[in-house]
Amino acid sequence: MNQRLIDLYDEYTHRPLDRRVFLERLTSLAGSAAAAQAFLSVIEPNYARAAVIAADDPRVGSVSLEASADLKGYLAFPKAKGSEIKDNLVIVIHENRGLNPHIEDVARRVALEGFHAFAADFLTPYGGTPKDEDQARDMFAKIDMGRVVKSAADLIAGLKLKNPRMKIGAVGFCWGGGAVNSIATAAPGLDAGVSFYGVAPKLEDVPKIKASMMMHYGSLDARVNATKEPFENAMKAAGVAHQGFMYEGANHAFHNDTSPERYVEAAAKLAWQRSMDLFKQKLA
């Protein structure tokens, strides 16, 4: 697949680029309207592929959860443990399309690893994630990241206040990966943070991080990778425990298996295993 087409799609999904303009540019690059549509069919998310772990899987339970007025979401948990969060929690943070079936499925995958997994909807203050993806993308252009960080930090602080022995992790993808990095600077109660292709937080805030951090990057993801080295250097200077992994030949969103053109199975599985191993080590 032409990398220029993938880069254009990345620009469309992360910047305020009107869909009509995007389609015009895509058609020009692809050579025809038919070729452009063929490209979209393999790069745009298809949520029919989302249920790696079915919503009715007998091993996993799920409920809607209102953590606060600013933060509602989907809680998945091992059926044997029940829905009450007692010992550990992993906050799952969505991409810049909000809380969709794919992210709910990711939460169920985390639950099968033995954790309670809260897939938070950070569009809650704006009415929640809409079904229309373009509408959701437009909402992210207006989102208040300070409010996002505060709502997550307040959740973590509140849970720790109720049970100081509770262990809390967070994993995020794309926009959510950057959110994990920023939340880590404001939530000293976070024990482990995993960022999949997320941009760095404000570097002056990096010394505030108390969590053990893990970052996953695709080698073809130039936009995010531009923030990688400064972030890692700042963590090293501040003595923050961290690990960073680069996956050769992988693009942005390589873990998202609803988009076959960007999904890289080997990289996705390895990054997932590394992430779950970190949680099992730090949240035990």
Protein backbone atom coordinates (compact mmCIF):
# COMPACT_ATOMS: atom_id res chain seq x y z
CA MET A 1 0.00 0.00 0.00
CA ASN A 2 1.25 3.46 -0.92
CA GLN A 3 2.60 5.08 2.25
CA ARG A 4 1.42 8.48 0.99
CA LEU A 5 -2.18 7.22 1.13
CA ILE A 6 -1.69 6.02 4.71
CA ASP A 7 -0.09 9.32 5.70
CA LEU A 8 -3.01 11.22 4.18
CA TYR A 9 -5.47 9.09 6.13
CA ASP A 10 -3.49 9.75 9.29
CA GLU A 11 -3.69 13.49 8.59
CA TYR A 12 -7.44 13.21 8.07
CA THR A 13 -7.99 11.32 11.32
CA HIS A 14 -5.83 13.57 13.49
CA ARG A 15 -6.20 17.05 12.06
CA PRO A 16 -9.18 19.22 11.12
CA LEU A 17 -9.31 18.10 7.49
CA ASP A 18 -12.81 18.17 5.96
CA ARG A 19 -13.91 14.78 4.60
CA ARG A 20 -14.74 16.24 1.20
CA VAL A 21 -11.23 17.68 0.91
CA PHE A 22 -9.77 14.40 2.16
CA LEU A 23 -11.68 12.38 -0.47
CA GLU A 24 -10.61 14.75 -3.24
CA ARG A 25 -6.96 14.45 -2.25
CA LEU A 26 -7.28 10.70 -1.78
CA THR A 27 -8.80 10.24 -5.23
CA SER A 28 -6.00 12.27 -6.75
CA LEU A 29 -3.31 10.23 -5.00
CA ALA A 30 -4.99 6.88 -5.65
CA GLY A 31 -5.55 7.65 -9.32
CA SER A 32 -9.31 7.07 -9.44
CA ALA A 33 -12.44 7.12 -7.33
CA ALA A 34 -12.59 3.33 -7.48
CA ALA A 35 -9.03 3.00 -6.18
CA ALA A 36 -9.78 5.48 -3.41
CA GLN A 37 -12.82 3.48 -2.30
CA ALA A 38 -10.81 0.26 -2.38
CA PHE A 39 -8.25 1.88 -0.08
CA LEU A 40 -10.92 3.09 2.33
CA SER A 41 -12.42 -0.39 2.52
CA VAL A 42 -9.23 -1.76 4.07
CA ILE A 43 -8.11 1.18 6.22
CA GLU A 44 -11.32 2.50 7.78
CA PRO A 45 -12.42 0.65 10.93
CA ASN A 46 -14.90 -2.17 10.46
CA TYR A 47 -16.47 -2.94 13.81
CA ALA A 48 -17.85 -6.24 12.57
CA ARG A 49 -14.28 -7.38 13.21
CA ALA A 50 -14.28 -5.91 16.71
CA ALA A 51 -15.46 -8.84 18.78
CA VAL A 52 -12.29 -10.85 19.35
CA ILE A 53 -13.89 -11.52 22.73
CA ALA A 54 -17.66 -11.67 22.24
CA ALA A 55 -19.79 -9.40 24.38
CA ASP A 56 -21.57 -12.47 25.75
CA ASP A 57 -18.39 -14.48 26.42
CA PRO A 58 -19.19 -16.51 29.58
CA ARG A 59 -15.79 -15.75 31.08
CA VAL A 60 -16.34 -11.97 31.09
CA GLY A 61 -18.96 -9.76 32.68
CA SER A 62 -19.68 -6.16 31.79
CA VAL A 63 -21.72 -3.24 33.11
CA SER A 64 -22.11 0.45 32.36
CA LEU A 65 -20.26 2.51 34.95
CA GLU A 66 -20.59 6.16 35.89
CA ALA A 67 -17.30 7.01 37.56
CA SER A 68 -18.27 10.68 37.81
CA ALA A 69 -20.44 13.26 36.07
CA ASP A 70 -17.51 13.80 33.69
CA LEU A 71 -16.64 10.17 33.12
CA LYS A 72 -18.90 7.30 32.16
CA GLY A 73 -17.90 4.11 30.43
CA TYR A 74 -17.89 0.36 30.10
CA LEU A 75 -16.54 -1.91 32.83
CA ALA A 76 -15.41 -5.41 31.85
CA PHE A 77 -14.33 -7.89 34.50
CA PRO A 78 -13.49 -11.56 35.02
CA LYS A 79 -16.82 -13.26 35.78
CA ALA A 80 -15.23 -15.11 38.69
CA LYS A 81 -14.32 -11.81 40.40
CA GLY A 82 -17.63 -10.01 40.00
CA SER A 83 -18.14 -6.37 39.10
CA GLU A 84 -16.88 -4.79 42.34
CA ILE A 85 -13.44 -3.28 41.87
CA LYS A 86 -11.41 -4.49 44.84
CA ASP A 87 -7.79 -5.16 44.00
CA ASN A 88 -6.77 -3.77 40.62
CA LEU A 89 -8.05 -1.76 37.72
CA VAL A 90 -6.84 -0.99 34.20
CA ILE A 91 -8.28 2.14 32.61
CA VAL A 92 -8.60 1.65 28.84
CA ILE A 93 -8.46 4.88 26.84
CA HIS A 94 -9.87 5.10 23.35
CA GLU A 95 -8.57 6.57 20.13
CA ASN A 96 -9.90 9.83 18.73
CA ARG A 97 -13.20 8.24 17.76
CA GLY A 98 -14.37 7.73 21.32
CA LEU A 99 -15.68 4.67 23.11
CA ASN A 100 -16.65 2.30 20.30
CA PRO A 101 -17.16 -1.49 19.98
CA HIS A 102 -13.45 -2.05 19.34
CA ILE A 103 -12.40 -0.37 22.60
CA GLU A 104 -15.06 -2.28 24.52
CA ASP A 105 -13.59 -5.44 23.03
CA VAL A 106 -10.09 -4.37 24.12
CA ALA A 107 -11.48 -3.97 27.66
CA ARG A 108 -12.80 -7.54 27.54
CA ARG A 109 -9.35 -8.72 26.44
CA VAL A 110 -7.86 -6.99 29.48
CA ALA A 111 -10.49 -8.65 31.68
CA LEU A 112 -9.43 -12.07 30.41
CA GLU A 113 -5.95 -11.26 31.69
CA GLY A 114 -7.44 -11.08 35.19
CA PHE A 115 -8.08 -7.35 35.63
CA HIS A 116 -11.10 -5.14 35.96
CA ALA A 117 -10.99 -2.92 32.87
CA PHE A 118 -12.77 0.43 32.68
CA ALA A 119 -13.12 1.66 29.10
CA ALA A 120 -13.72 5.33 29.83
CA ASP A 121 -15.66 7.62 27.50
CA PHE A 122 -13.84 10.95 27.60
CA LEU A 123 -16.56 12.48 25.44
CA THR A 124 -18.95 12.16 28.40
CA PRO A 125 -19.01 15.95 29.07
CA TYR A 126 -20.06 16.51 25.45
CA GLY A 127 -22.95 14.04 25.45
CA GLY A 128 -20.95 10.84 25.03
CA THR A 129 -19.49 9.14 21.98
CA PRO A 130 -21.82 9.49 18.96
CA LYS A 131 -22.33 6.70 16.45
CA ASP A 132 -21.13 8.92 13.61
CA GLU A 133 -17.32 8.77 13.51
CA ASP A 134 -16.86 12.09 11.71
CA GLN A 135 -18.98 13.76 14.38
CA ALA A 136 -16.82 12.15 17.05
CA ARG A 137 -13.65 13.35 15.33
CA ASP A 138 -15.01 16.90 15.23
CA MET A 139 -15.75 16.68 18.95
CA PHE A 140 -12.12 15.79 19.66
CA ALA A 141 -11.01 19.02 18.01
CA LYS A 142 -12.81 20.85 20.83
CA ILE A 143 -12.01 18.56 23.75
CA ASP A 144 -10.45 20.09 26.86
CA MET A 145 -7.40 17.96 27.62
CA GLY A 146 -7.07 19.56 31.04
CA ARG A 147 -10.55 18.30 31.85
CA VAL A 148 -9.65 14.84 30.53
CA VAL A 149 -6.56 14.64 32.73
CA LYS A 150 -8.39 15.93 35.79
CA SER A 151 -11.29 13.49 35.45
CA ALA A 152 -8.91 10.54 35.18
CA ALA A 153 -6.64 11.78 37.97
CA ASP A 154 -9.67 12.32 40.22
CA LEU A 155 -10.89 8.79 39.52
CA ILE A 156 -7.50 7.32 40.40
CA ALA A 157 -7.16 9.44 43.53
CA GLY A 158 -10.67 8.53 44.68
CA LEU A 159 -10.11 4.82 44.26
CA LYS A 160 -6.80 5.00 46.10
CA LEU A 161 -8.42 6.95 48.92
CA LYS A 162 -10.99 4.18 49.41
CA ASN A 163 -8.38 1.44 49.14
CA PRO A 164 -4.72 2.53 49.38
CA ARG A 165 -3.62 -0.98 48.45
CA MET A 166 -5.44 -0.93 45.12
CA LYS A 167 -3.18 -1.01 42.05
CA ILE A 168 -4.19 1.00 38.98
CA GLY A 169 -2.88 0.94 35.44
CA ALA A 170 -3.86 2.66 32.22
CA VAL A 171 -3.48 1.72 28.57
CA GLY A 172 -4.35 3.99 25.69
CA PHE A 173 -4.21 3.98 21.91
CA CYS A 174 -3.52 6.88 19.54
CA TRP A 175 -5.19 9.90 21.21
CA GLY A 176 -5.59 7.65 24.25
CA GLY A 177 -1.88 6.85 24.27
CA GLY A 178 -1.11 10.54 24.53
CA ALA A 179 -3.78 10.82 27.22
CA VAL A 180 -2.07 8.10 29.27
CA ASN A 181 1.20 10.00 29.07
CA SER A 182 -0.45 13.23 30.24
CA ILE A 183 -2.52 11.55 32.96
CA ALA A 184 0.64 9.96 34.36
CA THR A 185 2.05 13.44 35.02
CA ALA A 186 -1.01 14.39 37.10
CA ALA A 187 -1.89 11.13 38.86
CA PRO A 188 0.74 10.01 41.37
CA GLY A 189 -1.53 7.07 42.23
CA LEU A 190 -1.10 5.54 38.78
CA ASP A 191 1.10 2.46 39.10
CA ALA A 192 1.68 1.61 35.42
CA GLY A 193 0.97 3.39 32.16
CA VAL A 194 1.09 1.91 28.65
CA SER A 195 0.96 4.18 25.62
CA PHE A 196 0.39 2.80 22.14
CA TYR A 197 1.66 5.37 19.60
CA GLY A 198 0.81 8.31 21.84
CA VAL A 199 2.43 11.74 21.72
CA ALA A 200 4.56 12.93 24.61
CA PRO A 201 3.12 15.06 27.43
CA LYS A 202 4.52 18.46 28.34
CA LEU A 203 8.17 17.72 29.00
CA GLU A 204 8.33 20.04 31.99
CA ASP A 205 5.73 17.80 33.68
CA VAL A 206 7.60 14.52 33.13
CA PRO A 207 9.40 14.60 36.54
CA LYS A 208 5.95 14.31 38.18
CA ILE A 209 5.44 10.81 36.78
CA LYS A 210 5.45 8.08 39.45
CA ALA A 211 4.14 5.23 37.30
CA SER A 212 6.22 2.66 35.45
CA MET A 213 5.78 3.61 31.79
CA MET A 214 5.80 1.56 28.59
CA MET A 215 5.56 3.06 25.11
CA HIS A 216 4.94 1.30 21.79
CA TYR A 217 5.77 2.97 18.46
CA GLY A 218 5.45 2.05 14.79
CA SER A 219 8.54 2.88 12.77
CA LEU A 220 6.48 4.47 9.96
CA ASP A 221 4.58 6.77 12.32
CA ALA A 222 6.63 9.93 11.77
CA ARG A 223 4.14 12.28 13.46
CA VAL A 224 4.19 10.53 16.85
CA ASN A 225 7.80 9.39 16.63
CA ALA A 226 8.95 13.01 16.49
CA THR A 227 8.01 13.22 20.19
CA LYS A 228 9.59 9.90 21.21
CA GLU A 229 13.21 10.84 21.88
CA PRO A 230 12.54 14.05 23.85
CA PHE A 231 10.02 12.18 26.02
CA GLU A 232 12.35 9.28 26.71
CA ASN A 233 15.26 11.62 27.44
CA ALA A 234 13.10 13.58 29.90
CA MET A 235 12.06 10.37 31.68
CA LYS A 236 15.65 9.19 31.87
CA ALA A 237 16.77 12.51 33.32
CA ALA A 238 13.94 12.40 35.89
CA GLY A 239 14.58 8.80 36.89
CA VAL A 240 11.17 7.60 35.66
CA ALA A 241 11.02 3.83 35.12
CA HIS A 242 10.24 3.34 31.45
CA GLN A 243 10.53 1.04 28.46
CA GLY A 244 10.12 2.01 24.83
CA PHE A 245 9.66 -0.36 21.89
CA MET A 246 9.84 0.36 18.18
CA TYR A 247 8.08 -2.01 15.76
CA GLU A 248 9.74 -1.98 12.36
CA GLY A 249 7.49 -1.63 9.33
CA ALA A 250 4.46 -0.74 11.46
CA ASN A 251 2.29 2.31 10.96
CA HIS A 252 0.28 4.31 13.45
CA ALA A 253 -2.62 2.24 14.86
CA PHE A 254 -0.85 -1.06 14.19
CA HIS A 255 -2.70 -2.66 17.11
CA ASN A 256 -6.19 -1.84 15.80
CA ASP A 257 -7.38 -5.07 14.19
CA THR A 258 -10.54 -3.46 12.77
CA SER A 259 -8.34 -1.74 10.14
CA PRO A 260 -6.57 -4.47 8.13
CA GLU A 261 -4.33 -2.10 6.19
CA ARG A 262 -2.62 -0.76 9.33
CA TYR A 263 -2.94 -3.79 11.62
CA VAL A 264 0.33 -5.70 12.03
CA GLU A 265 -0.43 -8.97 13.77
CA ALA A 266 3.07 -9.85 14.99
CA ALA A 267 3.73 -6.36 16.35
CA ALA A 268 0.27 -6.10 17.90
CA LYS A 269 0.55 -9.43 19.70
CA LEU A 270 4.05 -8.73 20.98
CA ALA A 271 3.13 -5.24 22.20
CA TRP A 272 0.03 -6.62 23.91
CA GLN A 273 1.96 -9.36 25.68
CA ARG A 274 4.58 -6.89 26.87
CA SER A 275 1.83 -4.61 28.16
CA MET A 276 -0.01 -7.35 30.02
CA ASP A 277 3.26 -8.58 31.51
CA LEU A 278 3.90 -5.08 32.86
CA PHE A 279 0.44 -4.93 34.41
CA LYS A 280 0.83 -8.38 35.96
CA GLN A 281 4.12 -7.25 37.46
CA LYS A 282 3.03 -3.82 38.72
CA LEU A 283 -0.64 -4.42 39.59
CA ALA A 284 -0.26 -7.71 41.44
